[in-house]
Amino acid sequence: MAAVENLTWDNLRQMLKAGLPFAQPLGGRRGVQLIWSGKPDELAIRLPCKESDAAPRVALAHLQVRRVNVGPDAWLEIAARNLADLQPFHQLGVLCARIYDAPGMTADRAILRGLETWGELLKRRALLSEDVQLGLRGELTVLEALLAAEGPAAVEAWTAYNPAIPGRHDFRMKTFELEVKSTRQRTRRHWISSLQQLAPSPDFSLWLVSLQFEHAGAQNGGTLPQLVSRIRACLAADAARLERFEQLLALGLYRDQDAEFYDEKMILASEVKVVAVDDQLPRLTRELLKPSISAAALQRLLDARYEVDLEGLGDGLGGTSYTQIFGTFKFG
């Protein structure tokens, strides 16, 4: 079969329909070839190489990279097997041929860079999981309330993502800290993720803020991006605090370009409750475990995760603890 000067996909498709095996120049200046054995789900790309060149290791389901000798010539070959559609592989070959034309480029590097470049197009976004979204929604709901009670300075109290405060809780202000817990369960049950989470910091009292969310259904509700927008509007007149908020959002891995994926509208399913972290609250901390576990054994207890039931604990709007934190702000 005569060589095709520009092996486009349309040209290649016609050659595949003809059913005759071929080896055709793929493009570029260094003689990269496209090889077809006649099997409808197989295709190969060959890059001329040195006899000493080794094939890079590639762990992909439908691709195999190897070094082959054809007469006196050595090649690095990418062979595709069991592909329902050969067009993407043809595009990969064109990409590798262009990369191989770069001065000083070796065949193995051209293959790897071609696969990496192609893979970038298919890389999935690192979206926040549903649990992380719910946790962030709870923290921002509390932040919005604190902004209403304290003004823009309340942004400085949001310490959940502040790397300067080790062992931090979600909020720290005045003489107290807040640990925010959000759930979609019908009962007020929350997971505690470590032995430190319900341990007050020195010189601070600790409260747990419990929020229950549910899908909004036909009610108005609000999405996570809408909550972010409302807080931005609250901070619009304070550039420094707005910038701080954006920094903390970024540390929490929230990105505006992902907003379309966080489109669930939710509402608060019950009254927000503030629960004092004291003897009435079931909890596990290293300090509380010391009397019952030897020091040597306690050192081997690396961490713990457990669920607590807060039904009937704490107070809501108008309660002493609630008022001390949120004033007369009404959630929802």
Protein backbone atom coordinates (compact mmCIF):
# COMPACT_ATOMS: atom_id res chain seq x y z
CA MET A 1 0.00 0.00 0.00
CA ALA A 2 1.34 3.44 -0.94
CA ALA A 3 2.34 5.74 1.88
CA VAL A 4 -0.15 8.44 2.85
CA GLU A 5 1.52 11.82 3.30
CA ASN A 6 -0.79 12.99 6.09
CA LEU A 7 -2.31 10.08 8.00
CA THR A 8 -5.47 11.72 9.29
CA TRP A 9 -8.21 9.76 11.01
CA ASP A 10 -10.35 9.91 7.85
CA ASN A 11 -7.47 8.45 5.82
CA LEU A 12 -6.84 5.79 8.45
CA ARG A 13 -10.50 4.82 8.62
CA GLN A 14 -10.56 4.20 4.86
CA MET A 15 -7.41 2.07 5.11
CA LEU A 16 -8.92 0.03 7.94
CA LYS A 17 -12.07 -0.54 5.87
CA ALA A 18 -9.89 -1.88 3.02
CA GLY A 19 -8.83 -4.67 5.38
CA LEU A 20 -5.20 -4.88 4.27
CA PRO A 21 -2.42 -4.83 6.92
CA PHE A 22 -0.10 -1.83 6.66
CA ALA A 23 2.82 0.13 8.10
CA GLN A 24 2.37 3.85 7.45
CA PRO A 25 4.33 6.99 8.40
CA LEU A 26 2.35 8.79 11.10
CA GLY A 27 3.89 12.22 10.73
CA GLY A 28 6.79 14.15 12.15
CA ARG A 29 10.39 14.20 10.99
CA ARG A 30 11.74 11.10 12.75
CA GLY A 31 9.87 8.30 11.02
CA VAL A 32 7.21 7.34 13.54
CA GLN A 33 4.96 4.63 12.06
CA LEU A 34 1.45 3.32 12.57
CA ILE A 35 1.17 -0.46 12.22
CA TRP A 36 -1.99 -2.48 11.60
CA SER A 37 -1.98 -6.27 11.57
CA GLY A 38 -5.49 -6.60 10.16
CA LYS A 39 -7.25 -7.27 13.47
CA PRO A 40 -10.14 -4.80 13.94
CA ASP A 41 -9.41 -4.01 17.61
CA GLU A 42 -5.61 -3.69 17.45
CA LEU A 43 -3.20 -0.97 16.38
CA ALA A 44 0.44 -0.14 17.12
CA ILE A 45 2.71 2.92 17.09
CA ARG A 46 6.42 2.49 16.49
CA LEU A 47 9.14 5.04 17.24
CA PRO A 48 12.63 4.41 15.86
CA CYS A 49 15.14 4.09 18.68
CA LYS A 50 18.69 3.07 19.53
CA GLU A 51 19.59 -0.56 20.04
CA SER A 52 20.38 0.22 23.68
CA ASP A 53 17.04 1.92 24.43
CA ALA A 54 14.77 0.09 26.88
CA ALA A 55 10.97 0.15 26.78
CA PRO A 56 9.35 2.15 29.61
CA ARG A 57 7.07 0.19 31.92
CA VAL A 58 3.43 1.16 31.44
CA ALA A 59 0.65 -0.45 33.51
CA LEU A 60 -2.42 0.26 31.34
CA ALA A 61 -5.16 -2.24 30.62
CA HIS A 62 -5.18 -2.00 26.81
CA LEU A 63 -1.63 -0.85 26.05
CA GLN A 64 1.68 -2.68 26.00
CA VAL A 65 5.04 -0.99 25.40
CA ARG A 66 7.98 -3.09 24.18
CA ARG A 67 11.16 -2.87 22.10
CA VAL A 68 11.05 -4.70 18.78
CA ASN A 69 13.58 -5.30 16.02
CA VAL A 70 12.46 -5.25 12.40
CA GLY A 71 15.42 -6.28 10.27
CA PRO A 72 18.35 -4.05 11.23
CA ASP A 73 16.12 -1.40 12.81
CA ALA A 74 15.15 -1.05 16.50
CA TRP A 75 11.80 0.40 17.54
CA LEU A 76 9.84 1.17 20.67
CA GLU A 77 6.29 0.00 20.09
CA ILE A 78 3.04 0.92 21.82
CA ALA A 79 0.56 -1.82 20.99
CA ALA A 80 -3.16 -1.41 21.65
CA ARG A 81 -5.32 -4.48 22.20
CA ASN A 82 -9.10 -4.98 22.52
CA LEU A 83 -10.05 -1.41 21.68
CA ALA A 84 -13.64 -0.84 20.54
CA ASP A 85 -12.65 2.55 19.08
CA LEU A 86 -9.22 3.05 17.49
CA GLN A 87 -9.54 6.82 16.89
CA PRO A 88 -8.21 7.91 20.34
CA PHE A 89 -5.17 5.67 19.84
CA HIS A 90 -4.49 7.27 16.45
CA GLN A 91 -4.61 10.67 18.18
CA LEU A 92 -2.15 9.42 20.79
CA GLY A 93 0.20 8.37 17.98
CA VAL A 94 0.04 11.81 16.36
CA LEU A 95 0.80 13.39 19.75
CA CYS A 96 3.80 11.10 20.35
CA ALA A 97 5.16 11.84 16.86
CA ARG A 98 5.01 15.59 17.50
CA ILE A 99 6.65 15.24 20.90
CA TYR A 100 9.39 13.04 19.40
CA ASP A 101 10.35 15.85 17.02
CA ALA A 102 11.60 17.99 19.93
CA PRO A 103 15.43 18.35 20.00
CA GLY A 104 17.08 15.81 22.27
CA MET A 105 13.85 13.85 22.82
CA THR A 106 14.25 10.09 23.22
CA ALA A 107 11.68 7.52 22.15
CA ASP A 108 10.89 6.36 25.68
CA ARG A 109 10.39 9.92 26.95
CA ALA A 110 8.19 10.74 23.95
CA ILE A 111 5.96 7.77 24.77
CA LEU A 112 5.71 8.62 28.46
CA ARG A 113 5.09 12.32 27.84
CA GLY A 114 2.44 11.49 25.24
CA LEU A 115 0.63 9.21 27.69
CA GLU A 116 0.91 11.79 30.48
CA THR A 117 -0.42 14.57 28.26
CA TRP A 118 -3.28 12.40 27.06
CA GLY A 119 -4.03 11.32 30.61
CA GLU A 120 -4.29 14.94 31.79
CA LEU A 121 -7.37 15.32 29.60
CA LEU A 122 -9.04 12.39 31.36
CA LYS A 123 -8.01 13.18 34.92
CA ARG A 124 -10.97 13.37 37.27
CA ARG A 125 -11.47 16.45 39.38
CA ALA A 126 -10.68 16.04 43.06
CA LEU A 127 -14.15 16.88 44.30
CA LEU A 128 -15.14 17.07 47.94
CA SER A 129 -16.83 13.89 49.15
CA GLU A 130 -20.44 14.09 50.37
CA ASP A 131 -19.28 13.84 53.99
CA VAL A 132 -16.72 16.62 53.52
CA GLN A 133 -19.32 18.80 51.77
CA LEU A 134 -21.70 18.29 54.69
CA GLY A 135 -19.01 19.15 57.22
CA LEU A 136 -18.05 22.31 55.32
CA ARG A 137 -21.71 23.27 55.00
CA GLY A 138 -22.08 23.00 58.78
CA GLU A 139 -19.00 25.12 59.45
CA LEU A 140 -20.11 27.81 57.00
CA THR A 141 -23.62 27.81 58.49
CA VAL A 142 -22.08 28.49 61.90
CA LEU A 143 -19.73 31.11 60.42
CA GLU A 144 -22.68 32.93 58.86
CA ALA A 145 -24.33 33.06 62.30
CA LEU A 146 -21.15 34.35 63.94
CA LEU A 147 -20.83 37.04 61.27
CA ALA A 148 -24.35 38.18 62.11
CA ALA A 149 -23.50 38.25 65.83
CA GLU A 150 -19.91 39.55 65.73
CA GLY A 151 -19.39 41.17 62.33
CA PRO A 152 -16.57 40.48 59.80
CA ALA A 153 -14.02 39.84 62.58
CA ALA A 154 -15.71 36.46 63.12
CA VAL A 155 -13.79 35.13 60.10
CA GLU A 156 -10.66 35.13 62.26
CA ALA A 157 -12.40 32.70 64.62
CA TRP A 158 -12.72 30.03 61.90
CA THR A 159 -9.72 27.88 62.81
CA ALA A 160 -10.70 24.53 61.24
CA TYR A 161 -8.13 24.93 58.44
CA ASN A 162 -5.59 27.13 60.21
CA PRO A 163 -2.25 25.22 60.19
CA ALA A 164 -0.87 27.62 62.82
CA ILE A 165 -3.11 26.10 65.51
CA PRO A 166 -2.27 22.42 66.06
CA GLY A 167 -5.03 20.31 67.58
CA ARG A 168 -7.43 23.06 66.59
CA HIS A 169 -11.21 22.95 66.83
CA ASP A 170 -13.48 24.46 64.19
CA PHE A 171 -13.83 27.87 65.85
CA ARG A 172 -11.97 29.71 68.60
CA MET A 173 -13.14 33.02 70.06
CA LYS A 174 -13.02 34.81 73.40
CA THR A 175 -12.58 32.04 75.99
CA PHE A 176 -14.34 29.23 74.18
CA GLU A 177 -14.00 26.90 71.19
CA LEU A 178 -16.64 25.31 68.98
CA GLU A 179 -16.61 21.88 67.40
CA VAL A 180 -19.23 21.77 64.63
CA LYS A 181 -20.95 18.47 63.87
CA SER A 182 -23.37 17.95 60.99
CA THR A 183 -25.51 14.94 60.20
CA ARG A 184 -28.24 13.83 57.82
CA GLN A 185 -29.55 11.24 60.25
CA ARG A 186 -33.03 11.67 61.71
CA THR A 187 -31.58 11.33 65.21
CA ARG A 188 -28.99 13.72 66.62
CA ARG A 189 -26.06 11.34 66.30
CA HIS A 190 -22.57 12.41 65.29
CA TRP A 191 -19.27 10.70 64.57
CA ILE A 192 -16.26 11.85 66.60
CA SER A 193 -13.14 11.31 64.53
CA SER A 194 -10.33 11.31 67.10
CA LEU A 195 -9.36 11.25 70.77
CA GLN A 196 -8.53 14.97 70.51
CA GLN A 197 -11.75 16.23 68.95
CA LEU A 198 -13.68 16.59 72.21
CA ALA A 199 -10.68 17.57 74.32
CA PRO A 200 -10.78 21.30 75.22
CA SER A 201 -7.64 23.30 74.59
CA PRO A 202 -5.89 24.71 77.69
CA ASP A 203 -7.68 27.80 79.06
CA PHE A 204 -10.68 27.31 76.74
CA SER A 205 -14.11 25.83 77.31
CA LEU A 206 -15.45 23.68 74.48
CA TRP A 207 -18.95 23.46 73.03
CA LEU A 208 -20.26 21.11 70.39
CA VAL A 209 -22.63 22.70 67.86
CA SER A 210 -25.03 20.09 66.46
CA LEU A 211 -26.75 20.59 63.10
CA GLN A 212 -29.16 18.23 61.36
CA PHE A 213 -29.58 18.70 57.59
CA GLU A 214 -31.95 17.14 55.10
CA HIS A 215 -32.72 17.42 51.40
CA ALA A 216 -34.84 20.53 50.74
CA GLY A 217 -37.32 18.81 48.42
CA ALA A 218 -39.84 21.37 47.13
CA GLN A 219 -38.76 23.94 49.73
CA ASN A 220 -36.32 26.68 48.84
CA GLY A 221 -33.27 25.42 50.69
CA GLY A 222 -29.79 26.38 49.59
CA THR A 223 -26.70 24.86 47.96
CA LEU A 224 -23.18 24.94 49.32
CA PRO A 225 -22.06 27.49 46.65
CA GLN A 226 -25.02 29.73 47.57
CA LEU A 227 -23.90 29.66 51.20
CA VAL A 228 -20.37 30.62 50.12
CA SER A 229 -21.81 33.51 48.08
CA ARG A 230 -23.83 34.84 51.03
CA ILE A 231 -20.75 34.91 53.25
CA ARG A 232 -18.77 36.68 50.53
CA ALA A 233 -21.51 39.29 50.37
CA CYS A 234 -21.29 39.78 54.13
CA LEU A 235 -17.55 40.41 53.83
CA ALA A 236 -17.62 42.50 50.66
CA ALA A 237 -16.88 45.75 52.52
CA ASP A 238 -13.88 44.27 54.39
CA ALA A 239 -11.24 43.30 51.82
CA ALA A 240 -8.81 41.85 54.36
CA ARG A 241 -11.42 39.58 55.97
CA LEU A 242 -12.76 38.56 52.57
CA GLU A 243 -9.24 37.59 51.49
CA ARG A 244 -8.82 35.60 54.71
CA PHE A 245 -12.09 33.79 54.03
CA GLU A 246 -10.92 32.88 50.52
CA GLN A 247 -7.66 31.53 51.93
CA LEU A 248 -9.50 29.32 54.41
CA LEU A 249 -11.89 28.08 51.72
CA ALA A 250 -8.89 27.10 49.59
CA LEU A 251 -7.30 25.26 52.53
CA GLY A 252 -10.61 23.41 52.85
CA LEU A 253 -10.20 22.41 49.15
CA TYR A 254 -13.33 24.27 48.03
CA ARG A 255 -12.99 25.64 44.47
CA ASP A 256 -15.49 27.77 42.57
CA GLN A 257 -14.91 25.81 39.36
CA ASP A 258 -16.44 22.76 41.07
CA ALA A 259 -19.60 24.60 42.16
CA GLU A 260 -21.83 22.89 39.57
CA PHE A 261 -21.17 19.56 41.31
CA TYR A 262 -22.33 20.86 44.70
CA ASP A 263 -25.89 21.57 43.64
CA GLU A 264 -27.95 19.76 46.28
CA LYS A 265 -30.33 22.10 48.09
CA MET A 266 -30.58 21.38 51.82
CA ILE A 267 -32.37 22.80 54.84
CA LEU A 268 -31.92 22.45 58.57
CA ALA A 269 -34.14 19.59 59.73
CA SER A 270 -34.25 20.69 63.38
CA GLU A 271 -33.18 23.43 65.75
CA VAL A 272 -29.44 24.01 66.08
CA LYS A 273 -28.27 22.84 69.49
CA VAL A 274 -25.23 23.91 71.53
CA VAL A 275 -23.94 21.17 73.83
CA ALA A 276 -21.33 21.81 76.52
CA VAL A 277 -18.44 19.36 76.41
CA ASP A 278 -18.60 18.25 80.03
CA ASP A 279 -19.40 15.18 82.12
CA GLN A 280 -22.88 14.92 80.63
CA LEU A 281 -21.48 14.39 77.14
CA PRO A 282 -20.19 10.88 76.30
CA ARG A 283 -16.64 11.22 75.00
CA LEU A 284 -13.24 9.61 74.83
CA THR A 285 -10.05 11.62 75.40
CA ARG A 286 -6.58 10.64 76.50
CA GLU A 287 -7.05 12.53 79.76
CA LEU A 288 -10.24 10.62 80.60
CA LEU A 289 -8.64 7.28 79.73
CA LYS A 290 -5.59 7.75 81.94
CA PRO A 291 -7.19 6.33 85.16
CA SER A 292 -8.28 3.12 83.44
CA ILE A 293 -5.36 2.37 81.09
CA SER A 294 -1.69 2.16 81.95
CA ALA A 295 0.59 4.81 80.49
CA ALA A 296 2.38 2.19 78.38
CA ALA A 297 -0.91 0.86 77.00
CA LEU A 298 -2.24 4.36 76.37
CA GLN A 299 0.80 5.13 74.23
CA ARG A 300 -0.20 2.21 71.99
CA LEU A 301 -3.73 3.54 71.54
CA LEU A 302 -3.10 5.66 68.49
CA ASP A 303 -6.59 7.02 67.97
CA ALA A 304 -10.31 6.21 68.07
CA ARG A 305 -13.46 6.98 66.11
CA TYR A 306 -16.86 6.67 67.75
CA GLU A 307 -20.49 7.81 67.48
CA VAL A 308 -22.34 9.80 70.14
CA ASP A 309 -26.06 10.32 70.70
CA LEU A 310 -26.90 13.92 71.67
CA GLU A 311 -30.69 13.61 71.85
CA GLY A 312 -31.98 15.65 74.78
CA LEU A 313 -28.65 17.43 75.40
CA GLY A 314 -27.80 21.11 74.99
CA ASP A 315 -29.93 24.16 74.35
CA GLY A 316 -31.23 26.08 71.34
CA LEU A 317 -32.41 29.59 70.59
CA GLY A 318 -32.84 31.49 73.86
CA GLY A 319 -30.72 29.07 75.89
CA THR A 320 -27.76 30.32 77.95
CA SER A 321 -25.00 28.63 75.93
CA TYR A 322 -26.67 29.39 72.61
CA THR A 323 -27.12 33.07 73.47
CA GLN A 324 -23.52 33.40 74.64
CA ILE A 325 -22.32 32.27 71.22
CA PHE A 326 -24.94 33.34 68.69
CA GLY A 327 -26.94 36.00 70.52
CA THR A 328 -30.46 36.16 69.10
CA PHE A 329 -29.52 34.83 65.65
CA LYS A 330 -32.07 32.33 64.36
CA PHE A 331 -30.81 29.63 61.99
CA GLY A 332 -32.81 28.54 58.97
